[in-house]
Amino acid sequence: MRNNQYFKEQARKDLGGRIFHNDWLMAFLVCLVAGAILSAPSALSELFDVENESGTITVTVSLISAAAVFLTGPIMLCLTRIFLKKARVGGPIVFGELFQGFRNYWDHMLLGFMPALFAGLWSLIPIVGVFFAIYKGYGWAMVYYIKCDNTTLNWKQCMNRSAEIMQGRRWELFCLQISFIGWYILGALALGVGVYWVEAYRHAAETHFYERYRRGHSGF
């Protein structure tokens, strides 16, 4: 799609135009650390997933795995804020900003937890539940951007405004995301860590998706 090409062009400009430019390297670093933090509970659960005479310690493992849900909101909000700031005012990416979301933890945690909860509930519907969950999930894709621009809104208001922005645009965002598959394959071949170079590229492109479509909606 023509719009998606525009979003990707703007993303490359934000990141300096080259994958080894300082801006792209810093964006890679924050995406790498964010990914490591969010995947840490799953990695730890593998360490605790040991067999004893009673069988697998499933409860402990499940609790550790679920911990990522409670980290997603604060981390993703700050990651979004970093890319939004880069798109709007430029300047260097400040690594320390990745952890500022923990200052108002409960508010930011719910921003990540509640959409995941509702998507999970939708997925429980027999046969078509997964499709409903994906559809709803794309409707809530802009919650972090909206929170960055409207810090007084709660999680429910952010979800509602995201659904408003995404009305009729879910397919376009899906196509934008799917267009990075080839890049992700190349990134995976680069010792796996290359996917975070692509993550930086995708986040920057999605930021410009938000920037274009937020205009004309109430509160923006």
Protein backbone atom coordinates (compact mmCIF):
# COMPACT_ATOMS: atom_id res chain seq x y z
CA MET A 1 0.00 0.00 0.00
CA ARG A 2 1.18 3.51 -0.83
CA ASN A 3 0.61 4.77 2.72
CA ASN A 4 2.69 1.95 4.14
CA GLN A 5 5.59 2.89 1.90
CA TYR A 6 5.33 6.43 3.24
CA PHE A 7 5.32 5.19 6.85
CA LYS A 8 8.42 3.12 6.21
CA GLU A 9 10.21 5.98 4.47
CA GLN A 10 9.54 8.26 7.42
CA ALA A 11 10.70 5.53 9.79
CA ARG A 12 14.02 5.23 7.98
CA LYS A 13 14.49 9.00 8.19
CA ASP A 14 13.84 8.90 11.94
CA LEU A 15 16.44 6.16 12.33
CA GLY A 16 19.09 7.92 10.29
CA GLY A 17 18.57 6.07 7.01
CA ARG A 18 21.20 3.37 7.67
CA ILE A 19 21.02 0.32 9.93
CA PHE A 20 24.33 1.22 11.58
CA HIS A 21 23.49 4.88 12.11
CA ASN A 22 23.68 5.95 15.77
CA ASP A 23 19.92 6.53 15.92
CA TRP A 24 19.13 3.08 14.54
CA LEU A 25 21.67 1.48 16.87
CA MET A 26 20.11 3.19 19.91
CA ALA A 27 16.63 2.20 18.73
CA PHE A 28 17.92 -1.36 18.36
CA LEU A 29 19.32 -1.25 21.89
CA VAL A 30 16.07 -0.10 23.53
CA CYS A 31 14.10 -2.71 21.56
CA LEU A 32 16.61 -5.39 22.53
CA VAL A 33 16.42 -4.55 26.23
CA ALA A 34 12.63 -4.23 26.13
CA GLY A 35 12.41 -7.61 24.43
CA ALA A 36 14.78 -9.17 26.96
CA ILE A 37 12.72 -7.84 29.88
CA LEU A 38 9.42 -9.06 28.45
CA SER A 39 10.81 -12.49 27.55
CA ALA A 40 12.67 -12.95 30.86
CA PRO A 41 9.68 -14.51 32.70
CA SER A 42 9.32 -17.14 29.99
CA ALA A 43 13.04 -17.88 30.13
CA LEU A 44 12.93 -18.18 33.91
CA SER A 45 9.96 -20.51 33.73
CA GLU A 46 12.08 -22.88 31.66
CA LEU A 47 14.66 -22.94 34.45
CA PHE A 48 12.01 -23.74 37.04
CA ASP A 49 10.31 -26.32 34.85
CA VAL A 50 12.02 -29.26 36.51
CA GLU A 51 10.74 -32.67 37.38
CA ASN A 52 10.58 -33.98 40.92
CA GLU A 53 8.82 -36.91 42.55
CA SER A 54 5.51 -35.02 42.45
CA GLY A 55 5.76 -34.18 38.74
CA THR A 56 6.29 -30.85 37.00
CA ILE A 57 5.97 -27.75 39.18
CA THR A 58 3.29 -26.36 36.91
CA VAL A 59 1.89 -23.70 39.23
CA THR A 60 5.25 -22.03 39.80
CA VAL A 61 6.08 -22.15 36.11
CA SER A 62 2.71 -20.69 35.12
CA LEU A 63 3.03 -17.81 37.57
CA ILE A 64 6.51 -16.95 36.34
CA SER A 65 5.39 -17.07 32.71
CA ALA A 66 2.41 -14.83 33.45
CA ALA A 67 4.67 -12.18 34.99
CA ALA A 68 5.35 -10.73 31.52
CA VAL A 69 1.77 -9.42 31.45
CA PHE A 70 2.57 -7.19 34.43
CA LEU A 71 5.67 -5.77 32.74
CA THR A 72 4.21 -5.17 29.29
CA GLY A 73 2.32 -1.94 30.00
CA PRO A 74 5.15 0.10 31.57
CA ILE A 75 7.78 -1.10 29.10
CA MET A 76 5.68 -0.75 25.96
CA LEU A 77 4.40 2.67 26.99
CA CYS A 78 7.94 4.00 27.34
CA LEU A 79 9.09 2.32 24.14
CA THR A 80 6.19 3.99 22.35
CA ARG A 81 7.04 7.35 23.92
CA ILE A 82 10.64 7.06 22.71
CA PHE A 83 9.60 6.51 19.09
CA LEU A 84 6.86 9.15 19.26
CA LYS A 85 9.34 11.71 20.55
CA LYS A 86 11.80 10.77 17.83
CA ALA A 87 9.16 11.21 15.12
CA ARG A 88 8.00 14.58 16.41
CA VAL A 89 11.04 16.44 17.68
CA GLY A 90 14.00 14.31 16.67
CA GLY A 91 17.09 14.41 18.84
CA PRO A 92 18.97 11.48 20.35
CA ILE A 93 17.23 8.45 21.82
CA VAL A 94 17.71 8.41 25.60
CA PHE A 95 18.03 4.84 26.85
CA GLY A 96 16.98 5.67 30.43
CA GLU A 97 13.53 6.74 29.26
CA LEU A 98 12.69 3.07 28.74
CA PHE A 99 12.12 2.63 32.48
CA GLN A 100 10.09 5.72 33.31
CA GLY A 101 6.82 3.80 32.95
CA PHE A 102 7.32 2.21 36.36
CA ARG A 103 6.82 5.58 38.08
CA ASN A 104 3.05 5.24 37.75
CA TYR A 105 3.07 1.48 37.70
CA TRP A 106 -0.54 0.44 38.28
CA ASP A 107 -1.98 2.84 35.74
CA HIS A 108 0.50 1.77 33.10
CA MET A 109 0.32 -1.92 33.98
CA LEU A 110 -3.43 -1.95 33.38
CA LEU A 111 -2.86 -0.41 29.96
CA GLY A 112 -1.09 -3.60 28.91
CA PHE A 113 -2.99 -6.06 31.08
CA MET A 114 -6.60 -5.20 30.25
CA PRO A 115 -6.40 -5.45 26.43
CA ALA A 116 -4.62 -8.79 26.85
CA LEU A 117 -7.30 -9.95 29.27
CA PHE A 118 -10.18 -8.98 27.00
CA ALA A 119 -8.48 -10.50 23.96
CA GLY A 120 -8.01 -13.69 25.93
CA LEU A 121 -11.67 -13.76 26.88
CA TRP A 122 -12.74 -13.22 23.27
CA SER A 123 -10.51 -16.11 22.21
CA LEU A 124 -12.52 -18.48 24.44
CA ILE A 125 -15.49 -18.35 22.07
CA PRO A 126 -15.56 -21.70 20.24
CA ILE A 127 -14.32 -21.80 16.63
CA VAL A 128 -14.40 -18.06 15.85
CA GLY A 129 -12.95 -16.79 19.12
CA VAL A 130 -9.39 -16.43 17.85
CA PHE A 131 -10.55 -14.28 14.94
CA PHE A 132 -12.58 -12.05 17.26
CA ALA A 133 -9.55 -11.72 19.56
CA ILE A 134 -7.31 -10.66 16.68
CA TYR A 135 -9.91 -8.21 15.39
CA LYS A 136 -10.34 -6.64 18.83
CA GLY A 137 -6.60 -6.64 19.42
CA TYR A 138 -5.99 -4.57 16.30
CA GLY A 139 -8.67 -2.18 17.50
CA TRP A 140 -6.65 -1.59 20.66
CA ALA A 141 -3.29 -1.32 18.90
CA MET A 142 -2.95 2.43 19.53
CA VAL A 143 -3.52 2.43 23.32
CA TYR A 144 0.08 3.30 24.18
CA TYR A 145 0.23 6.18 21.72
CA ILE A 146 -3.03 7.56 23.06
CA LYS A 147 -1.77 7.32 26.64
CA CYS A 148 1.38 9.21 25.66
CA ASP A 149 -0.74 12.05 24.28
CA ASN A 150 -3.42 11.93 26.97
CA THR A 151 -1.80 10.98 30.27
CA THR A 152 -4.98 11.54 32.31
CA LEU A 153 -6.98 8.91 30.42
CA ASN A 154 -7.46 5.52 32.06
CA TRP A 155 -7.04 2.17 30.31
CA LYS A 156 -10.67 1.94 29.26
CA GLN A 157 -10.71 5.40 27.69
CA CYS A 158 -7.47 4.62 25.85
CA MET A 159 -8.97 1.41 24.48
CA ASN A 160 -12.10 3.23 23.33
CA ARG A 161 -10.15 5.98 21.56
CA SER A 162 -7.88 3.42 19.95
CA ALA A 163 -10.91 1.57 18.60
CA GLU A 164 -12.15 4.89 17.21
CA ILE A 165 -8.88 5.58 15.37
CA MET A 166 -8.60 2.01 14.09
CA GLN A 167 -12.12 1.87 12.70
CA GLY A 168 -11.66 0.77 9.10
CA ARG A 169 -7.86 0.72 9.41
CA ARG A 170 -7.15 -2.69 10.92
CA TRP A 171 -6.31 -4.22 7.55
CA GLU A 172 -3.91 -1.41 6.71
CA LEU A 173 -2.01 -1.88 9.97
CA PHE A 174 -1.94 -5.64 9.40
CA CYS A 175 -0.48 -5.11 5.92
CA LEU A 176 2.11 -2.73 7.33
CA GLN A 177 3.19 -5.27 9.91
CA ILE A 178 3.21 -8.20 7.49
CA SER A 179 5.44 -6.22 5.12
CA PHE A 180 8.31 -6.67 7.60
CA ILE A 181 8.30 -10.48 7.42
CA GLY A 182 11.19 -10.60 4.98
CA TRP A 183 13.19 -8.30 7.23
CA TYR A 184 12.43 -10.48 10.24
CA ILE A 185 13.69 -13.56 8.40
CA LEU A 186 16.95 -11.77 7.61
CA GLY A 187 17.15 -10.58 11.21
CA ALA A 188 16.67 -14.10 12.52
CA LEU A 189 19.56 -15.27 10.34
CA ALA A 190 21.77 -12.60 11.94
CA LEU A 191 22.21 -14.62 15.14
CA GLY A 192 18.62 -13.84 16.13
CA VAL A 193 19.41 -10.40 17.53
CA GLY A 194 18.90 -8.90 14.10
CA VAL A 195 15.14 -9.06 14.67
CA TYR A 196 15.49 -6.14 17.06
CA TRP A 197 16.87 -3.97 14.26
CA VAL A 198 13.64 -4.80 12.45
CA GLU A 199 11.62 -4.15 15.62
CA ALA A 200 13.03 -0.64 15.74
CA TYR A 201 12.09 -0.13 12.08
CA ARG A 202 8.56 -1.46 12.63
CA HIS A 203 7.95 0.63 15.76
CA ALA A 204 9.07 3.75 13.93
CA ALA A 205 6.76 2.99 10.99
CA GLU A 206 3.78 2.30 13.26
CA THR A 207 4.44 5.61 14.99
CA HIS A 208 3.90 7.40 11.70
CA PHE A 209 0.77 5.32 11.12
CA TYR A 210 -0.56 6.75 14.38
CA GLU A 211 0.60 10.27 13.56
CA ARG A 212 -1.35 10.28 10.30
CA TYR A 213 -4.61 8.84 11.62
CA ARG A 214 -4.83 10.47 15.02
CA ARG A 215 -5.68 13.79 13.39
CA GLY A 216 -9.34 14.59 13.17
CA HIS A 217 -10.27 12.59 16.26
CA SER A 218 -11.47 14.14 19.50
CA GLY A 219 -8.75 14.73 22.07
CA PHE A 220 -5.89 14.97 19.58
